[in-house]
């Protein structure tokens, strides 16, 4: 009876192998990590600018915005180049 039961469970289309479940969990975790990273970055920059807002005039904030934007663009271009070359920073 146990053999028949196992065959029926294996042939059931709604039972997923464990590795597929873990792959799905990894994918969902990855998406949440990307969203959490973006949210953390936004909140960090907003907090920093809010704290130093009174110490900078409009031109100072404009320069700070350009510097941070340039850093983000450089890291993005470096990531794109590494991706196209099939390399990794690890």
N, C-alpha and C. Protein backbone atom coordinates (compact mmCIF):
# COMPACT_ATOMS: atom_id res chain seq x y z
N UNK A 1 0.82 -1.19 0.00
CA UNK A 1 0.00 0.00 0.00
C UNK A 1 0.87 1.26 0.00
N UNK A 2 2.00 1.21 0.65
CA UNK A 2 2.86 2.39 0.67
C UNK A 2 3.42 2.71 -0.70
N UNK A 3 3.75 1.68 -1.48
CA UNK A 3 4.28 1.90 -2.82
C UNK A 3 3.24 2.58 -3.70
N UNK A 4 2.02 2.12 -3.64
CA UNK A 4 0.95 2.72 -4.44
C UNK A 4 0.73 4.16 -4.01
N UNK A 5 0.80 4.41 -2.76
CA UNK A 5 0.61 5.77 -2.24
C UNK A 5 1.72 6.70 -2.74
N UNK A 6 2.95 6.25 -2.73
CA UNK A 6 4.07 7.07 -3.21
C UNK A 6 3.95 7.35 -4.69
N UNK A 7 3.52 6.39 -5.45
CA UNK A 7 3.37 6.60 -6.89
C UNK A 7 2.30 7.64 -7.16
N UNK A 8 1.22 7.58 -6.42
CA UNK A 8 0.16 8.56 -6.61
C UNK A 8 0.63 9.96 -6.24
N UNK A 9 1.38 10.09 -5.19
CA UNK A 9 1.87 11.41 -4.79
C UNK A 9 2.85 11.96 -5.83
N UNK A 10 3.72 11.11 -6.36
CA UNK A 10 4.69 11.57 -7.35
C UNK A 10 4.01 11.97 -8.65
N UNK A 11 2.92 11.36 -8.99
CA UNK A 11 2.27 11.70 -10.24
C UNK A 11 1.32 12.89 -10.09
N UNK A 12 1.10 13.34 -8.91
CA UNK A 12 0.20 14.48 -8.68
C UNK A 12 0.86 15.77 -9.19
N UNK A 13 0.22 16.54 -10.06
CA UNK A 13 0.85 17.74 -10.62
C UNK A 13 0.96 18.89 -9.62
N UNK A 14 0.32 18.80 -8.48
CA UNK A 14 0.35 19.89 -7.51
C UNK A 14 1.41 19.71 -6.44
N UNK A 15 2.13 18.62 -6.47
CA UNK A 15 3.19 18.39 -5.50
C UNK A 15 4.51 18.77 -6.16
N UNK A 16 5.19 19.75 -5.60
CA UNK A 16 6.44 20.23 -6.16
C UNK A 16 7.62 19.58 -5.46
N UNK A 17 8.68 19.32 -6.20
CA UNK A 17 9.89 18.85 -5.53
C UNK A 17 10.44 19.95 -4.62
N UNK A 18 11.18 19.55 -3.64
CA UNK A 18 11.69 20.50 -2.64
C UNK A 18 12.56 21.56 -3.29
N UNK A 19 13.39 21.19 -4.28
CA UNK A 19 14.27 22.18 -4.88
C UNK A 19 13.50 23.26 -5.61
N UNK A 20 12.33 22.95 -6.16
CA UNK A 20 11.53 23.97 -6.81
C UNK A 20 10.94 24.94 -5.79
N UNK A 21 10.57 24.44 -4.65
CA UNK A 21 10.04 25.30 -3.60
C UNK A 21 11.13 26.24 -3.11
N UNK A 22 12.35 25.70 -2.90
CA UNK A 22 13.45 26.55 -2.45
C UNK A 22 13.84 27.57 -3.52
N UNK A 23 13.78 27.20 -4.78
CA UNK A 23 14.08 28.15 -5.86
C UNK A 23 13.06 29.28 -5.87
N UNK A 24 11.82 28.95 -5.64
CA UNK A 24 10.77 29.97 -5.59
C UNK A 24 10.98 30.90 -4.40
N UNK A 25 11.33 30.33 -3.27
CA UNK A 25 11.58 31.15 -2.07
C UNK A 25 12.78 32.06 -2.30
N UNK A 26 13.83 31.54 -2.96
CA UNK A 26 15.00 32.37 -3.26
C UNK A 26 14.63 33.53 -4.18
N UNK A 27 13.81 33.27 -5.17
CA UNK A 27 13.42 34.31 -6.10
C UNK A 27 12.62 35.40 -5.39
N UNK A 28 11.67 35.01 -4.58
CA UNK A 28 10.86 35.98 -3.84
C UNK A 28 11.74 36.77 -2.88
N UNK A 29 12.66 36.09 -2.21
CA UNK A 29 13.59 36.77 -1.29
C UNK A 29 14.45 37.77 -2.05
N UNK A 30 14.88 37.41 -3.24
CA UNK A 30 15.66 38.34 -4.06
C UNK A 30 14.90 39.60 -4.40
N UNK A 31 13.64 39.44 -4.79
CA UNK A 31 12.83 40.62 -5.10
C UNK A 31 12.63 41.50 -3.87
N UNK A 32 12.38 40.88 -2.73
CA UNK A 32 12.23 41.66 -1.50
C UNK A 32 13.54 42.36 -1.13
N UNK A 33 14.67 41.71 -1.38
CA UNK A 33 15.96 42.32 -1.06
C UNK A 33 16.21 43.54 -1.94
N UNK A 34 15.85 43.46 -3.21
CA UNK A 34 16.01 44.60 -4.10
C UNK A 34 15.14 45.76 -3.64
N UNK A 35 13.89 45.47 -3.30
CA UNK A 35 12.98 46.52 -2.83
C UNK A 35 13.47 47.11 -1.51
N UNK A 36 13.95 46.25 -0.61
CA UNK A 36 14.45 46.74 0.69
C UNK A 36 15.70 47.60 0.49
N UNK A 37 16.57 47.20 -0.43
CA UNK A 37 17.77 48.00 -0.70
C UNK A 37 17.43 49.36 -1.27
N UNK A 38 16.49 49.39 -2.21
CA UNK A 38 16.08 50.68 -2.79
C UNK A 38 15.43 51.57 -1.74
N UNK A 39 14.60 50.98 -0.90
CA UNK A 39 13.95 51.75 0.16
C UNK A 39 14.97 52.27 1.17
N UNK A 40 15.93 51.42 1.53
CA UNK A 40 16.96 51.84 2.47
C UNK A 40 17.81 52.97 1.89
N UNK A 41 18.15 52.85 0.61
CA UNK A 41 18.93 53.90 -0.05
C UNK A 41 18.15 55.21 -0.03
N UNK A 42 16.88 55.17 -0.41
CA UNK A 42 16.07 56.38 -0.46
C UNK A 42 15.92 57.00 0.93
N UNK A 43 15.63 56.20 1.92
CA UNK A 43 15.47 56.73 3.28
C UNK A 43 16.79 57.28 3.82
N UNK A 44 17.90 56.62 3.51
CA UNK A 44 19.21 57.10 3.95
C UNK A 44 19.56 58.45 3.35
N UNK A 45 19.37 58.58 2.06
CA UNK A 45 19.66 59.85 1.39
C UNK A 45 18.72 60.94 1.90
N UNK A 46 17.46 60.62 2.05
CA UNK A 46 16.50 61.61 2.55
C UNK A 46 16.85 62.05 3.96
N UNK A 47 17.23 61.10 4.81
CA UNK A 47 17.62 61.41 6.19
C UNK A 47 18.86 62.31 6.20
N UNK A 48 19.86 61.95 5.38
CA UNK A 48 21.10 62.72 5.32
C UNK A 48 20.83 64.16 4.85
N UNK A 49 20.07 64.29 3.80
CA UNK A 49 19.77 65.63 3.28
C UNK A 49 18.95 66.43 4.29
N UNK A 50 18.03 65.79 4.98
CA UNK A 50 17.23 66.48 5.98
C UNK A 50 18.11 66.99 7.13
N UNK A 51 19.12 66.20 7.52
CA UNK A 51 20.00 66.61 8.62
C UNK A 51 20.93 67.75 8.23
N UNK A 52 21.38 67.76 6.99
CA UNK A 52 22.35 68.80 6.59
C UNK A 52 21.70 69.92 5.79
N UNK A 53 20.39 69.91 5.68
CA UNK A 53 19.71 70.92 4.87
C UNK A 53 19.97 72.33 5.37
N UNK A 54 20.00 72.51 6.66
CA UNK A 54 20.20 73.86 7.20
C UNK A 54 21.65 74.33 7.03
N UNK A 55 22.59 73.41 6.83
CA UNK A 55 24.00 73.78 6.68
C UNK A 55 24.36 74.09 5.24
N UNK A 56 23.50 73.72 4.28
CA UNK A 56 23.76 73.98 2.87
C UNK A 56 22.75 74.96 2.33
N UNK A 57 23.20 75.75 1.37
CA UNK A 57 22.25 76.56 0.64
C UNK A 57 21.77 75.75 -0.56
N UNK A 58 21.00 76.36 -1.44
CA UNK A 58 20.45 75.64 -2.58
C UNK A 58 21.54 75.11 -3.50
N UNK A 59 22.59 75.90 -3.68
CA UNK A 59 23.69 75.46 -4.54
C UNK A 59 24.42 74.26 -3.94
N UNK A 60 24.61 74.25 -2.64
CA UNK A 60 25.27 73.12 -1.97
C UNK A 60 24.48 71.84 -2.12
N UNK A 61 23.17 71.91 -2.00
CA UNK A 61 22.33 70.72 -2.17
C UNK A 61 22.36 70.27 -3.63
N UNK A 62 22.41 71.22 -4.56
CA UNK A 62 22.49 70.89 -5.97
C UNK A 62 23.79 70.14 -6.26
N UNK A 63 24.90 70.60 -5.69
CA UNK A 63 26.20 69.94 -5.88
C UNK A 63 26.17 68.55 -5.24
N UNK A 64 25.61 68.43 -4.04
CA UNK A 64 25.50 67.14 -3.38
C UNK A 64 24.68 66.16 -4.22
N UNK A 65 23.61 66.65 -4.80
CA UNK A 65 22.77 65.82 -5.66
C UNK A 65 23.56 65.34 -6.87
N UNK A 66 24.34 66.21 -7.47
CA UNK A 66 25.15 65.82 -8.64
C UNK A 66 26.23 64.82 -8.27
N UNK A 67 26.86 64.99 -7.13
CA UNK A 67 27.92 64.07 -6.70
C UNK A 67 27.34 62.68 -6.45
N UNK A 68 26.25 62.60 -5.71
CA UNK A 68 25.64 61.30 -5.41
C UNK A 68 25.11 60.66 -6.69
N UNK A 69 24.51 61.45 -7.56
CA UNK A 69 24.04 60.92 -8.85
C UNK A 69 25.18 60.39 -9.70
N UNK A 70 26.31 61.09 -9.69
CA UNK A 70 27.48 60.63 -10.44
C UNK A 70 28.01 59.31 -9.89
N UNK A 71 28.05 59.19 -8.57
CA UNK A 71 28.52 57.95 -7.96
C UNK A 71 27.60 56.79 -8.35
N UNK A 72 26.31 57.01 -8.31
CA UNK A 72 25.35 55.96 -8.68
C UNK A 72 25.54 55.58 -10.15
N UNK A 73 25.72 56.56 -11.02
CA UNK A 73 25.91 56.27 -12.44
C UNK A 73 27.21 55.51 -12.68
N UNK A 74 28.28 55.88 -12.00
CA UNK A 74 29.56 55.17 -12.18
C UNK A 74 29.46 53.72 -11.73
N UNK A 75 28.83 53.49 -10.60
CA UNK A 75 28.67 52.12 -10.12
C UNK A 75 27.77 51.32 -11.09
N UNK A 76 26.75 51.96 -11.63
CA UNK A 76 25.87 51.29 -12.59
C UNK A 76 26.61 50.93 -13.87
N UNK A 77 27.41 51.84 -14.38
CA UNK A 77 28.18 51.57 -15.60
C UNK A 77 29.21 50.47 -15.33
N UNK A 78 29.86 50.50 -14.18
CA UNK A 78 30.81 49.45 -13.84
C UNK A 78 30.11 48.10 -13.75
N UNK A 79 28.93 48.06 -13.16
CA UNK A 79 28.16 46.82 -13.09
C UNK A 79 27.76 46.32 -14.47
N UNK A 80 27.37 47.23 -15.34
CA UNK A 80 27.02 46.85 -16.71
C UNK A 80 28.21 46.28 -17.45
N UNK A 81 29.37 46.91 -17.31
CA UNK A 81 30.58 46.43 -17.97
C UNK A 81 30.96 45.04 -17.45
N UNK A 82 30.93 44.87 -16.14
CA UNK A 82 31.24 43.55 -15.56
C UNK A 82 30.25 42.50 -16.05
N UNK A 83 28.98 42.88 -16.17
CA UNK A 83 27.97 41.93 -16.63
C UNK A 83 28.22 41.54 -18.08
N UNK A 84 28.51 42.52 -18.93
CA UNK A 84 28.74 42.23 -20.34
C UNK A 84 30.00 41.40 -20.56
N UNK A 85 30.99 41.58 -19.69
CA UNK A 85 32.22 40.80 -19.80
C UNK A 85 32.10 39.43 -19.13
N UNK A 86 31.03 39.21 -18.41
CA UNK A 86 30.83 37.94 -17.73
C UNK A 86 31.70 37.81 -16.50
N UNK A 87 32.13 38.90 -15.95
CA UNK A 87 33.00 38.90 -14.78
C UNK A 87 32.18 39.13 -13.52
N UNK A 88 32.85 39.00 -12.38
CA UNK A 88 32.21 39.24 -11.10
C UNK A 88 33.19 39.96 -10.19
N UNK A 89 32.67 40.76 -9.27
CA UNK A 89 33.55 41.46 -8.34
C UNK A 89 33.90 40.60 -7.14
N UNK A 90 33.35 39.40 -7.08
CA UNK A 90 33.61 38.52 -5.94
C UNK A 90 34.75 37.60 -6.23
